[in-house]
PDB file of N, CA and C in Angstrom:
ATOM      1  N   MET A   1       9.615 -60.099  78.559  1.00  0.00           N
ATOM      2  CA  MET A   1       9.357 -62.515  78.444  1.00  0.00           C
ATOM      3  C   MET A   1      10.949 -62.771  78.600  1.00  0.00           C
ATOM      4  N   LYS A   2      10.665 -63.953  79.000  1.00  0.00           N
ATOM      5  CA  LYS A   2      11.511 -64.716  79.676  1.00  0.00           C
ATOM      6  C   LYS A   2      11.500 -66.178  78.859  1.00  0.00           C
ATOM      7  N   GLU A   3      12.015 -66.704  78.594  1.00  0.00           N
ATOM      8  CA  GLU A   3      12.641 -68.084  77.532  1.00  0.00           C
ATOM      9  C   GLU A   3      11.800 -68.719  79.217  1.00  0.00           C
ATOM     10  N   LEU A   4      10.107 -70.187  78.220  1.00  0.00           N
ATOM     11  CA  LEU A   4      10.407 -71.346  79.397  1.00  0.00           C
ATOM     12  C   LEU A   4      10.676 -72.281  78.852  1.00  0.00           C
ATOM     13  N   LEU A   5      10.583 -72.468  77.229  1.00  0.00           N
ATOM     14  CA  LEU A   5      10.714 -74.121  76.610  1.00  0.00           C
ATOM     15  C   LEU A   5      11.772 -73.906  75.517  1.00  0.00           C
ATOM     16  N   ARG A   6      12.509 -74.514  75.024  1.00  0.00           N
ATOM     17  CA  ARG A   6      13.191 -74.918  73.958  1.00  0.00           C
ATOM     18  C   ARG A   6      12.852 -75.931  73.397  1.00  0.00           C
ATOM     19  N   SER A   7      11.533 -75.877  72.170  1.00  0.00           N
ATOM     20  CA  SER A   7      11.551 -77.517  71.691  1.00  0.00           C
ATOM     21  C   SER A   7      12.411 -77.573  70.186  1.00  0.00           C
ATOM     22  N   THR A   8      12.082 -78.491  69.816  1.00  0.00           N
ATOM     23  CA  THR A   8      12.026 -79.425  68.155  1.00  0.00           C
ATOM     24  C   THR A   8      10.804 -79.474  68.021  1.00  0.00           C
ATOM     25  N   ASP A   9       9.731 -80.254  68.621  1.00  0.00           N
ATOM     26  CA  ASP A   9       8.452 -80.209  68.718  1.00  0.00           C
ATOM     27  C   ASP A   9       7.942 -79.748  68.452  1.00  0.00           C
ATOM     28  N   PRO A  10       7.033 -78.895  67.305  1.00  0.00           N
ATOM     29  CA  PRO A  10       5.439 -78.901  67.304  1.00  0.00           C
ATOM     30  C   PRO A  10       4.562 -77.978  68.619  1.00  0.00           C
ATOM     31  N   THR A  11       4.909 -79.905  68.323  1.00  0.00           N
ATOM     32  CA  THR A  11       2.898 -80.619  69.320  1.00  0.00           C
ATOM     33  C   THR A  11       3.707 -79.846  70.864  1.00  0.00           C
ATOM     34  N   ILE A  12       4.746 -80.183  70.977  1.00  0.00           N
ATOM     35  CA  ILE A  12       4.840 -80.041  72.492  1.00  0.00           C
ATOM     36  C   ILE A  12       5.079 -78.085  72.130  1.00  0.00           C
ATOM     37  N   MET A  13       5.425 -78.091  71.492  1.00  0.00           N
ATOM     38  CA  MET A  13       4.740 -76.075  71.898  1.00  0.00           C
ATOM     39  C   MET A  13       3.637 -75.755  72.602  1.00  0.00           C
ATOM     40  N   ALA A  14       2.482 -76.883  71.111  1.00  0.00           N
ATOM     41  CA  ALA A  14       1.152 -76.651  71.426  1.00  0.00           C
ATOM     42  C   ALA A  14       0.223 -76.860  72.796  1.00  0.00           C
ATOM     43  N   PHE A  15       1.053 -78.210  72.974  1.00  0.00           N
ATOM     44  CA  PHE A  15       1.070 -78.675  73.934  1.00  0.00           C
ATOM     45  C   PHE A  15       1.062 -77.553  75.285  1.00  0.00           C
ATOM     46  N   ALA A  16       1.757 -77.279  75.111  1.00  0.00           N
ATOM     47  CA  ALA A  16       2.212 -76.379  76.447  1.00  0.00           C
ATOM     48  C   ALA A  16       1.802 -74.946  76.251  1.00  0.00           C
ATOM     49  N   SER A  17       1.643 -74.311  74.994  1.00  0.00           N
ATOM     50  CA  SER A  17       0.510 -72.745  74.947  1.00  0.00           C
ATOM     51  C   SER A  17      -0.959 -73.694  75.401  1.00  0.00           C
ATOM     52  N   ALA A  18      -1.532 -74.781  75.083  1.00  0.00           N
ATOM     53  CA  ALA A  18      -2.966 -74.977  75.655  1.00  0.00           C
ATOM     54  C   ALA A  18      -2.747 -74.704  77.117  1.00  0.00           C
ATOM     55  N   LEU A  19      -1.645 -75.745  77.765  1.00  0.00           N
ATOM     56  CA  LEU A  19      -1.715 -75.425  78.829  1.00  0.00           C
ATOM     57  C   LEU A  19      -1.585 -74.195  79.985  1.00  0.00           C
ATOM     58  N   LEU A  20      -0.881 -72.902  78.650  1.00  0.00           N
ATOM     59  CA  LEU A  20      -0.536 -71.969  79.883  1.00  0.00           C
ATOM     60  C   LEU A  20      -1.781 -71.069  79.518  1.00  0.00           C
ATOM     61  N   GLU A  21      -2.079 -70.996  78.730  1.00  0.00           N
ATOM     62  CA  GLU A  21      -3.579 -70.495  78.045  1.00  0.00           C
ATOM     63  C   GLU A  21      -5.119 -71.083  79.074  1.00  0.00           C
ATOM     64  N   GLY A  22      -4.573 -71.935  79.557  1.00  0.00           N
ATOM     65  CA  GLY A  22      -5.465 -73.198  80.422  1.00  0.00           C
ATOM     66  C   GLY A  22      -5.312 -71.890  81.689  1.00  0.00           C
ATOM     67  N   GLU A  23      -4.792 -72.342  82.306  1.00  0.00           N
ATOM     68  CA  GLU A  23      -4.305 -71.175  82.699  1.00  0.00           C
ATOM     69  C   GLU A  23      -4.149 -70.221  83.395  1.00  0.00           C
ATOM     70  N   ASP A  24      -3.843 -69.739  82.211  1.00  0.00           N
ATOM     71  CA  ASP A  24      -4.486 -67.650  81.994  1.00  0.00           C
ATOM     72  C   ASP A  24      -2.833 -67.855  82.723  1.00  0.00           C
ATOM     73  N   ILE A  25      -2.450 -67.811  81.699  1.00  0.00           N
ATOM     74  CA  ILE A  25      -0.813 -67.148  81.446  1.00  0.00           C
ATOM     75  C   ILE A  25      -1.053 -67.116  80.094  1.00  0.00           C
ATOM     76  N   ASP A  26      -0.008 -66.379  79.746  1.00  0.00           N
ATOM     77  CA  ASP A  26      -0.363 -65.281  78.722  1.00  0.00           C
ATOM     78  C   ASP A  26       1.154 -66.280  78.253  1.00  0.00           C
ATOM     79  N   CYS A  27       1.670 -66.376  76.410  1.00  0.00           N
ATOM     80  CA  CYS A  27       2.450 -66.621  75.987  1.00  0.00           C
ATOM     81  C   CYS A  27       3.494 -67.013  74.647  1.00  0.00           C
ATOM     82  N   PHE A  28       4.586 -66.273  74.639  1.00  0.00           N
ATOM     83  CA  PHE A  28       4.488 -65.799  73.249  1.00  0.00           C
ATOM     84  C   PHE A  28       5.602 -66.948  72.290  1.00  0.00           C
ATOM     85  N   GLN A  29       5.227 -68.250  71.406  1.00  0.00           N
ATOM     86  CA  GLN A  29       5.988 -68.817  70.351  1.00  0.00           C
ATOM     87  C   GLN A  29       6.990 -67.812  69.638  1.00  0.00           C
ATOM     88  N   MET A  30       8.272 -67.727  69.460  1.00  0.00           N
ATOM     89  CA  MET A  30       9.598 -67.349  68.952  1.00  0.00           C
ATOM     90  C   MET A  30       9.564 -68.264  68.280  1.00  0.00           C
ATOM     91  N   ASP A  31      10.696 -67.946  66.926  1.00  0.00           N
ATOM     92  CA  ASP A  31      11.325 -68.673  66.497  1.00  0.00           C
ATOM     93  C   ASP A  31      11.002 -70.093  65.504  1.00  0.00           C
ATOM     94  N   VAL A  32       9.138 -69.441  65.354  1.00  0.00           N
ATOM     95  CA  VAL A  32       8.051 -70.108  63.870  1.00  0.00           C
ATOM     96  C   VAL A  32       8.513 -70.002  63.005  1.00  0.00           C
ATOM     97  N   ASN A  33       9.050 -68.768  62.806  1.00  0.00           N
ATOM     98  CA  ASN A  33       8.638 -69.002  60.895  1.00  0.00           C
ATOM     99  C   ASN A  33      10.414 -69.163  60.530  1.00  0.00           C
ATOM    100  N   MET A  34      11.389 -69.929  61.112  1.00  0.00           N
ATOM    101  CA  MET A  34      12.571 -70.458  60.929  1.00  0.00           C
ATOM    102  C   MET A  34      12.609 -71.556  60.794  1.00  0.00           C
ATOM    103  N   SER A  35      10.977 -72.467  59.728  1.00  0.00           N
ATOM    104  CA  SER A  35      10.969 -73.342  58.780  1.00  0.00           C
ATOM    105  C   SER A  35      10.562 -73.530  57.571  1.00  0.00           C
ATOM    106  N   ILE A  36      10.622 -71.485  57.537  1.00  0.00           N
ATOM    107  CA  ILE A  36      11.305 -71.333  55.837  1.00  0.00           C
ATOM    108  C   ILE A  36      12.478 -70.846  55.250  1.00  0.00           C
ATOM    109  N   LEU A  37      13.370 -70.688  56.693  1.00  0.00           N
ATOM    110  CA  LEU A  37      14.685 -71.039  56.800  1.00  0.00           C
ATOM    111  C   LEU A  37      15.725 -71.802  56.472  1.00  0.00           C
ATOM    112  N   GLU A  38      15.069 -72.603  57.243  1.00  0.00           N
ATOM    113  CA  GLU A  38      15.734 -74.114  57.639  1.00  0.00           C
ATOM    114  C   GLU A  38      14.573 -75.101  56.927  1.00  0.00           C
ATOM    115  N   GLY A  39      14.120 -75.376  55.389  1.00  0.00           N
ATOM    116  CA  GLY A  39      13.361 -75.809  54.992  1.00  0.00           C
ATOM    117  C   GLY A  39      12.336 -76.936  55.543  1.00  0.00           C
ATOM    118  N   GLY A  40      11.657 -76.355  56.553  1.00  0.00           N
ATOM    119  CA  GLY A  40      10.511 -77.304  57.035  1.00  0.00           C
ATOM    120  C   GLY A  40      11.703 -78.691  57.629  1.00  0.00           C
ATOM    121  N   ILE A  41      13.034 -79.095  58.171  1.00  0.00           N
ATOM    122  CA  ILE A  41      13.117 -80.331  58.658  1.00  0.00           C
ATOM    123  C   ILE A  41      13.651 -80.291  59.817  1.00  0.00           C
ATOM    124  N   GLY A  42      13.572 -79.545  60.467  1.00  0.00           N
ATOM    125  CA  GLY A  42      13.113 -79.145  62.074  1.00  0.00           C
ATOM    126  C   GLY A  42      13.695 -79.302  63.091  1.00  0.00           C
ATOM    127  N   ILE A  43      14.805 -78.724  62.668  1.00  0.00           N
ATOM    128  CA  ILE A  43      16.671 -78.462  62.941  1.00  0.00           C
ATOM    129  C   ILE A  43      16.516 -77.100  64.068  1.00  0.00           C
ATOM    130  N   PHE A  44      15.879 -76.042  63.786  1.00  0.00           N
ATOM    131  CA  PHE A  44      16.300 -75.147  64.976  1.00  0.00           C
ATOM    132  C   PHE A  44      14.773 -75.114  65.314  1.00  0.00           C
ATOM    133  N   PRO A  45      15.025 -75.021  67.100  1.00  0.00           N
ATOM    134  CA  PRO A  45      14.075 -75.013  68.537  1.00  0.00           C
ATOM    135  C   PRO A  45      13.610 -74.496  68.162  1.00  0.00           C
ATOM    136  N   ARG A  46      12.388 -73.970  68.687  1.00  0.00           N
ATOM    137  CA  ARG A  46      11.614 -73.002  69.040  1.00  0.00           C
ATOM    138  C   ARG A  46      11.564 -73.042  70.353  1.00  0.00           C
ATOM    139  N   ARG A  47      11.151 -71.566  70.503  1.00  0.00           N
ATOM    140  CA  ARG A  47      11.423 -70.628  72.390  1.00  0.00           C
ATOM    141  C   ARG A  47       9.739 -70.441  72.384  1.00  0.00           C
ATOM    142  N   LEU A  48       9.870 -70.492  73.748  1.00  0.00           N
ATOM    143  CA  LEU A  48       8.158 -70.537  74.402  1.00  0.00           C
ATOM    144  C   LEU A  48       8.326 -69.458  75.680  1.00  0.00           C
ATOM    145  N   MET A  49       7.805 -67.815  75.711  1.00  0.00           N
ATOM    146  CA  MET A  49       7.897 -67.123  76.341  1.00  0.00           C
ATOM    147  C   MET A  49       6.762 -66.861  77.211  1.00  0.00           C
ATOM    148  N   VAL A  50       7.266 -66.392  77.786  1.00  0.00           N
ATOM    149  CA  VAL A  50       5.847 -65.163  79.481  1.00  0.00           C
ATOM    150  C   VAL A  50       6.712 -64.467  79.422  1.00  0.00           C
ATOM    151  N   HIS A  51       5.304 -64.139  80.651  1.00  0.00           N
ATOM    152  CA  HIS A  51       5.656 -62.741  81.047  1.00  0.00           C
ATOM    153  C   HIS A  51       6.224 -62.723  82.600  1.00  0.00           C
ATOM    154  N   GLU A  52       7.839 -62.285  83.071  1.00  0.00           N
ATOM    155  CA  GLU A  52       8.845 -62.718  83.940  1.00  0.00           C
ATOM    156  C   GLU A  52       7.954 -62.264  85.376  1.00  0.00           C
ATOM    157  N   ASP A  53       6.881 -61.674  86.018  1.00  0.00           N
ATOM    158  CA  ASP A  53       5.991 -61.805  86.544  1.00  0.00           C
ATOM    159  C   ASP A  53       4.880 -63.452  86.582  1.00  0.00           C
ATOM    160  N   ASP A  54       4.881 -64.317  85.480  1.00  0.00           N
ATOM    161  CA  ASP A  54       4.328 -65.396  84.802  1.00  0.00           C
ATOM    162  C   ASP A  54       5.152 -66.723  85.545  1.00  0.00           C
ATOM    163  N   TYR A  55       6.333 -66.279  85.309  1.00  0.00           N
ATOM    164  CA  TYR A  55       7.861 -66.985  85.044  1.00  0.00           C
ATOM    165  C   TYR A  55       7.506 -68.840  85.664  1.00  0.00           C
ATOM    166  N   ASP A  56       7.265 -67.819  87.836  1.00  0.00           N
ATOM    167  CA  ASP A  56       7.535 -69.084  88.121  1.00  0.00           C
ATOM    168  C   ASP A  56       5.937 -69.663  88.206  1.00  0.00           C
ATOM    169  N   ALA A  57       4.858 -69.155  87.995  1.00  0.00           N
ATOM    170  CA  ALA A  57       3.999 -70.375  87.557  1.00  0.00           C
ATOM    171  C   ALA A  57       4.667 -70.535  86.840  1.00  0.00           C
ATOM    172  N   ALA A  58       4.712 -70.695  85.147  1.00  0.00           N
ATOM    173  CA  ALA A  58       4.170 -71.736  84.998  1.00  0.00           C
ATOM    174  C   ALA A  58       5.846 -72.588  84.121  1.00  0.00           C
ATOM    175  N   LEU A  59       6.683 -72.293  85.208  1.00  0.00           N
ATOM    176  CA  LEU A  59       7.716 -73.800  85.837  1.00  0.00           C
ATOM    177  C   LEU A  59       6.541 -74.702  86.446  1.00  0.00           C
ATOM    178  N   VAL A  60       5.818 -74.713  87.152  1.00  0.00           N
ATOM    179  CA  VAL A  60       5.371 -75.064  87.832  1.00  0.00           C
ATOM    180  C   VAL A  60       4.106 -76.662  86.955  1.00  0.00           C
ATOM    181  N   VAL A  61       2.450 -75.092  86.147  1.00  0.00           N
ATOM    182  CA  VAL A  61       3.014 -76.098  84.821  1.00  0.00           C
ATOM    183  C   VAL A  61       4.002 -76.595  84.743  1.00  0.00           C
ATOM    184  N   MET A  62       4.379 -76.718  84.103  1.00  0.00           N
ATOM    185  CA  MET A  62       6.020 -77.162  82.803  1.00  0.00           C
ATOM    186  C   MET A  62       5.889 -78.730  84.108  1.00  0.00           C
ATOM    187  N   ARG A  63       6.201 -78.089  85.270  1.00  0.00           N
ATOM    188  CA  ARG A  63       7.107 -79.159  86.057  1.00  0.00           C
ATOM    189  C   ARG A  63       5.728 -81.041  86.240  1.00  0.00           C
ATOM    190  N   ASP A  64       4.765 -79.136  86.835  1.00  0.00           N
ATOM    191  CA  ASP A  64       3.307 -80.766  86.534  1.00  0.00           C
ATOM    192  C   ASP A  64       2.816 -81.755  85.379  1.00  0.00           C
ATOM    193  N   ASN A  65       3.447 -81.060  84.418  1.00  0.00           N
ATOM    194  CA  ASN A  65       2.072 -81.753  83.031  1.00  0.00           C
ATOM    195  C   ASN A  65       4.237 -82.967  82.439  1.00  0.00           C
ATOM    196  N   GLU A  66       4.769 -82.634  83.065  1.00  0.00           N
ATOM    197  CA  GLU A  66       6.181 -83.262  83.047  1.00  0.00           C
ATOM    198  C   GLU A  66       6.734 -83.085  81.630  1.00  0.00           C
ATOM    199  N   ILE A  67       6.482 -81.994  80.838  1.00  0.00           N
ATOM    200  CA  ILE A  67       6.754 -81.608  80.276  1.00  0.00           C
ATOM    201  C   ILE A  67       8.470 -80.755  80.131  1.00  0.00           C
ATOM    202  N   PRO A  68       9.620 -81.769  78.860  1.00  0.00           N
ATOM    203  CA  PRO A  68      11.375 -80.967  79.621  1.00  0.00           C
ATOM    204  C   PRO A  68      11.344 -79.702  78.970  1.00  0.00           C
ATOM    205  N   LEU A  69      11.623 -79.573  79.393  1.00  0.00           N
ATOM    206  CA  LEU A  69      12.073 -77.138  79.294  1.00  0.00           C
ATOM    207  C   LEU A  69      13.595 -77.051  77.782  1.00  0.00           C
ATOM    208  N   GLY A  70      13.914 -78.439  77.492  1.00  0.00           N
ATOM    209  CA  GLY A  70      14.876 -78.708  76.168  1.00  0.00           C
ATOM    210  C   GLY A  70      15.717 -77.709  76.807  1.00  0.00           C
ATOM    211  N   ARG A  71      16.710 -77.485  77.702  1.00  0.00           N
ATOM    212  CA  ARG A  71      17.525 -76.627  78.184  1.00  0.00           C
ATOM    213  C   ARG A  71      19.123 -77.774  78.441  1.00  0.00           C
TER     214      ARG A  71
END
C-alpha cells in the first residue's frame, strides 16, 4: 500500500474514496480512529492508501478532479 492522499477534511476523503471506487481502484483510509484520541477536533490527518500497482492511475484521478494531495 502506498499513501495517495493526506487530509484532515473527512469530506475530501469521502469524495476521493468514491472517485477511486468509481474507477475500480481499491483504497483504504488509515488513521480514522485517531479521532478517539484527539477528541474529534481534527488535528490528525487521515491517510488514503492505494495498492502500489494502482498508484499512478489514482494520481491521475486526483489531479483530474483537482483534489489536493496534502503533502
